[in-house]
Amino acid sequence: MRDSNTLFICSYYGEQTQCVVSIFSLIQIFKEQISQTSPEDEF
């Protein structure tokens, strides 16, 4: 569902830059969740 949301944002703006920013933000959140789950800072 999150991927669909990102694609929707990308299509809405119609700019790859915006799409990358949206994905980057999503990755940041995902990394934070991984950090909480795994103490290892290797990722």
PDB file of N, CA and C in Angstrom:
ATOM      1  N   MET A   1       0.854  -1.198   0.000  1.00  0.00           N
ATOM      2  CA  MET A   1       0.000   0.000   0.000  1.00  0.00           C
ATOM      3  C   MET A   1       0.889   1.247   0.000  1.00  0.00           C
ATOM      4  N   ARG A   2       1.981   1.205   0.767  1.00  0.00           N
ATOM      5  CA  ARG A   2       2.872   2.365   0.821  1.00  0.00           C
ATOM      6  C   ARG A   2       3.481   2.625  -0.555  1.00  0.00           C
ATOM      7  N   ASP A   3       3.858   1.538  -1.267  1.00  0.00           N
ATOM      8  CA  ASP A   3       4.451   1.710  -2.596  1.00  0.00           C
ATOM      9  C   ASP A   3       3.448   2.401  -3.516  1.00  0.00           C
ATOM     10  N   SER A   4       2.184   1.998  -3.433  1.00  0.00           N
ATOM     11  CA  SER A   4       1.154   2.613  -4.275  1.00  0.00           C
ATOM     12  C   SER A   4       1.040   4.095  -3.947  1.00  0.00           C
ATOM     13  N   ASN A   5       1.142   4.417  -2.668  1.00  0.00           N
ATOM     14  CA  ASN A   5       1.069   5.811  -2.247  1.00  0.00           C
ATOM     15  C   ASN A   5       2.201   6.610  -2.875  1.00  0.00           C
ATOM     16  N   THR A   6       3.412   6.054  -2.858  1.00  0.00           N
ATOM     17  CA  THR A   6       4.577   6.740  -3.422  1.00  0.00           C
ATOM     18  C   THR A   6       4.382   6.942  -4.915  1.00  0.00           C
ATOM     19  N   LEU A   7       3.901   5.901  -5.594  1.00  0.00           N
ATOM     20  CA  LEU A   7       3.694   5.998  -7.037  1.00  0.00           C
ATOM     21  C   LEU A   7       2.653   7.066  -7.336  1.00  0.00           C
ATOM     22  N   PHE A   8       1.615   7.138  -6.503  1.00  0.00           N
ATOM     23  CA  PHE A   8       0.557   8.131  -6.696  1.00  0.00           C
ATOM     24  C   PHE A   8       1.142   9.532  -6.596  1.00  0.00           C
ATOM     25  N   ILE A   9       1.998   9.755  -5.596  1.00  0.00           N
ATOM     26  CA  ILE A   9       2.627  11.068  -5.415  1.00  0.00           C
ATOM     27  C   ILE A   9       3.481  11.384  -6.633  1.00  0.00           C
ATOM     28  N   CYS A  10       4.225  10.399  -7.113  1.00  0.00           N
ATOM     29  CA  CYS A  10       5.107  10.595  -8.264  1.00  0.00           C
ATOM     30  C   CYS A  10       4.278  10.968  -9.484  1.00  0.00           C
ATOM     31  N   SER A  11       3.188  10.261  -9.707  1.00  0.00           N
ATOM     32  CA  SER A  11       2.338  10.529 -10.864  1.00  0.00           C
ATOM     33  C   SER A  11       1.658  11.889 -10.722  1.00  0.00           C
ATOM     34  N   TYR A  12       1.265  12.230  -9.515  1.00  0.00           N
ATOM     35  CA  TYR A  12       0.560  13.483  -9.272  1.00  0.00           C
ATOM     36  C   TYR A  12       1.442  14.675  -9.627  1.00  0.00           C
ATOM     37  N   TYR A  13       2.678  14.668  -9.119  1.00  0.00           N
ATOM     38  CA  TYR A  13       3.593  15.774  -9.401  1.00  0.00           C
ATOM     39  C   TYR A  13       4.136  15.666 -10.823  1.00  0.00           C
ATOM     40  N   GLY A  14       4.308  14.434 -11.301  1.00  0.00           N
ATOM     41  CA  GLY A  14       4.806  14.233 -12.654  1.00  0.00           C
ATOM     42  C   GLY A  14       6.274  14.611 -12.776  1.00  0.00           C
ATOM     43  N   GLU A  15       6.991  14.596 -11.644  1.00  0.00           N
ATOM     44  CA  GLU A  15       8.421  14.917 -11.677  1.00  0.00           C
ATOM     45  C   GLU A  15       9.201  13.823 -10.961  1.00  0.00           C
ATOM     46  N   GLN A  16      10.239  13.334 -11.609  1.00  0.00           N
ATOM     47  CA  GLN A  16      11.042  12.271 -10.992  1.00  0.00           C
ATOM     48  C   GLN A  16      11.664  12.766  -9.689  1.00  0.00           C
ATOM     49  N   THR A  17      12.024  14.046  -9.647  1.00  0.00           N
ATOM     50  CA  THR A  17      12.645  14.603  -8.445  1.00  0.00           C
ATOM     51  C   THR A  17      11.712  14.424  -7.248  1.00  0.00           C
ATOM     52  N   GLN A  18      10.449  14.795  -7.414  1.00  0.00           N
ATOM     53  CA  GLN A  18       9.479  14.653  -6.331  1.00  0.00           C
ATOM     54  C   GLN A  18       9.343  13.184  -5.947  1.00  0.00           C
ATOM     55  N   CYS A  19       9.334  12.311  -6.942  1.00  0.00           N
ATOM     56  CA  CYS A  19       9.187  10.878  -6.695  1.00  0.00           C
ATOM     57  C   CYS A  19      10.358  10.388  -5.845  1.00  0.00           C
ATOM     58  N   VAL A  20      11.564  10.811  -6.202  1.00  0.00           N
ATOM     59  CA  VAL A  20      12.750  10.388  -5.460  1.00  0.00           C
ATOM     60  C   VAL A  20      12.678  10.890  -4.021  1.00  0.00           C
ATOM     61  N   VAL A  21      12.262  12.136  -3.848  1.00  0.00           N
ATOM     62  CA  VAL A  21      12.153  12.708  -2.505  1.00  0.00           C
ATOM     63  C   VAL A  21      11.158  11.897  -1.678  1.00  0.00           C
ATOM     64  N   SER A  22      10.023  11.544  -2.268  1.00  0.00           N
ATOM     65  CA  SER A  22       9.005  10.784  -1.547  1.00  0.00           C
ATOM     66  C   SER A  22       9.566   9.429  -1.133  1.00  0.00           C
ATOM     67  N   ILE A  23      10.238   8.758  -2.074  1.00  0.00           N
ATOM     68  CA  ILE A  23      10.819   7.451  -1.772  1.00  0.00           C
ATOM     69  C   ILE A  23      11.900   7.598  -0.710  1.00  0.00           C
ATOM     70  N   PHE A  24      12.723   8.646  -0.823  1.00  0.00           N
ATOM     71  CA  PHE A  24      13.802   8.857   0.145  1.00  0.00           C
ATOM     72  C   PHE A  24      13.219   9.030   1.542  1.00  0.00           C
ATOM     73  N   SER A  25      12.160   9.813   1.655  1.00  0.00           N
ATOM     74  CA  SER A  25      11.508  10.026   2.954  1.00  0.00           C
ATOM     75  C   SER A  25      10.998   8.698   3.500  1.00  0.00           C
ATOM     76  N   LEU A  26      10.414   7.885   2.614  1.00  0.00           N
ATOM     77  CA  LEU A  26       9.890   6.594   3.041  1.00  0.00           C
ATOM     78  C   LEU A  26      11.028   5.708   3.532  1.00  0.00           C
ATOM     79  N   ILE A  27      12.168   5.748   2.829  1.00  0.00           N
ATOM     80  CA  ILE A  27      13.329   4.946   3.217  1.00  0.00           C
ATOM     81  C   ILE A  27      13.836   5.399   4.585  1.00  0.00           C
ATOM     82  N   GLN A  28      13.860   6.708   4.814  1.00  0.00           N
ATOM     83  CA  GLN A  28      14.310   7.227   6.108  1.00  0.00           C
ATOM     84  C   GLN A  28      13.459   6.643   7.231  1.00  0.00           C
ATOM     85  N   ILE A  29      12.150   6.646   7.057  1.00  0.00           N
ATOM     86  CA  ILE A  29      11.245   6.095   8.072  1.00  0.00           C
ATOM     87  C   ILE A  29      11.499   4.602   8.238  1.00  0.00           C
ATOM     88  N   PHE A  30      11.681   3.908   7.107  1.00  0.00           N
ATOM     89  CA  PHE A  30      11.918   2.467   7.146  1.00  0.00           C
ATOM     90  C   PHE A  30      13.215   2.159   7.895  1.00  0.00           C
ATOM     91  N   LYS A  31      14.256   2.959   7.630  1.00  0.00           N
ATOM     92  CA  LYS A  31      15.545   2.755   8.301  1.00  0.00           C
ATOM     93  C   LYS A  31      15.398   2.972   9.798  1.00  0.00           C
ATOM     94  N   GLU A  32      14.613   3.968  10.190  1.00  0.00           N
ATOM     95  CA  GLU A  32      14.411   4.238  11.613  1.00  0.00           C
ATOM     96  C   GLU A  32      13.750   3.039  12.287  1.00  0.00           C
ATOM     97  N   GLN A  33      12.775   2.442  11.615  1.00  0.00           N
ATOM     98  CA  GLN A  33      12.091   1.278  12.178  1.00  0.00           C
ATOM     99  C   GLN A  33      13.074   0.123  12.324  1.00  0.00           C
ATOM    100  N   ILE A  34      13.950  -0.045  11.328  1.00  0.00           N
ATOM    101  CA  ILE A  34      14.940  -1.125  11.374  1.00  0.00           C
ATOM    102  C   ILE A  34      15.903  -0.886  12.531  1.00  0.00           C
ATOM    103  N   SER A  35      16.282   0.378  12.726  1.00  0.00           N
ATOM    104  CA  SER A  35      17.219   0.710  13.807  1.00  0.00           C
ATOM    105  C   SER A  35      16.614   0.319  15.154  1.00  0.00           C
ATOM    106  N   GLN A  36      15.331   0.575  15.330  1.00  0.00           N
ATOM    107  CA  GLN A  36      14.668   0.238  16.590  1.00  0.00           C
ATOM    108  C   GLN A  36      14.599  -1.278  16.760  1.00  0.00           C
ATOM    109  N   THR A  37      14.358  -1.988  15.659  1.00  0.00           N
ATOM    110  CA  THR A  37      14.257  -3.446  15.728  1.00  0.00           C
ATOM    111  C   THR A  37      15.633  -4.078  15.883  1.00  0.00           C
ATOM    112  N   SER A  38      16.599  -3.620  15.076  1.00  0.00           N
ATOM    113  CA  SER A  38      17.954  -4.167  15.125  1.00  0.00           C
ATOM    114  C   SER A  38      18.925  -3.118  15.652  1.00  0.00           C
ATOM    115  N   PRO A  39      19.568  -3.370  16.781  1.00  0.00           N
ATOM    116  CA  PRO A  39      20.523  -2.412  17.358  1.00  0.00           C
ATOM    117  C   PRO A  39      21.706  -2.171  16.424  1.00  0.00           C
ATOM    118  N   GLU A  40      21.989  -3.124  15.528  1.00  0.00           N
ATOM    119  CA  GLU A  40      23.138  -2.989  14.633  1.00  0.00           C
ATOM    120  C   GLU A  40      22.968  -1.777  13.729  1.00  0.00           C
ATOM    121  N   ASP A  41      24.030  -0.989  13.621  1.00  0.00           N
ATOM    122  CA  ASP A  41      23.999   0.221  12.790  1.00  0.00           C
ATOM    123  C   ASP A  41      24.676  -0.071  11.464  1.00  0.00           C
ATOM    124  N   GLU A  42      24.641  -1.321  11.033  1.00  0.00           N
ATOM    125  CA  GLU A  42      25.372  -1.734   9.831  1.00  0.00           C
ATOM    126  C   GLU A  42      24.604  -1.349   8.581  1.00  0.00           C
ATOM    127  N   PHE A  43      23.269  -1.279   8.675  1.00  0.00           N
ATOM    128  CA  PHE A  43      22.448  -0.976   7.496  1.00  0.00           C
ATOM    129  C   PHE A  43      22.828   0.379   6.947  1.00  0.00           C
TER     130      PHE A  43
END
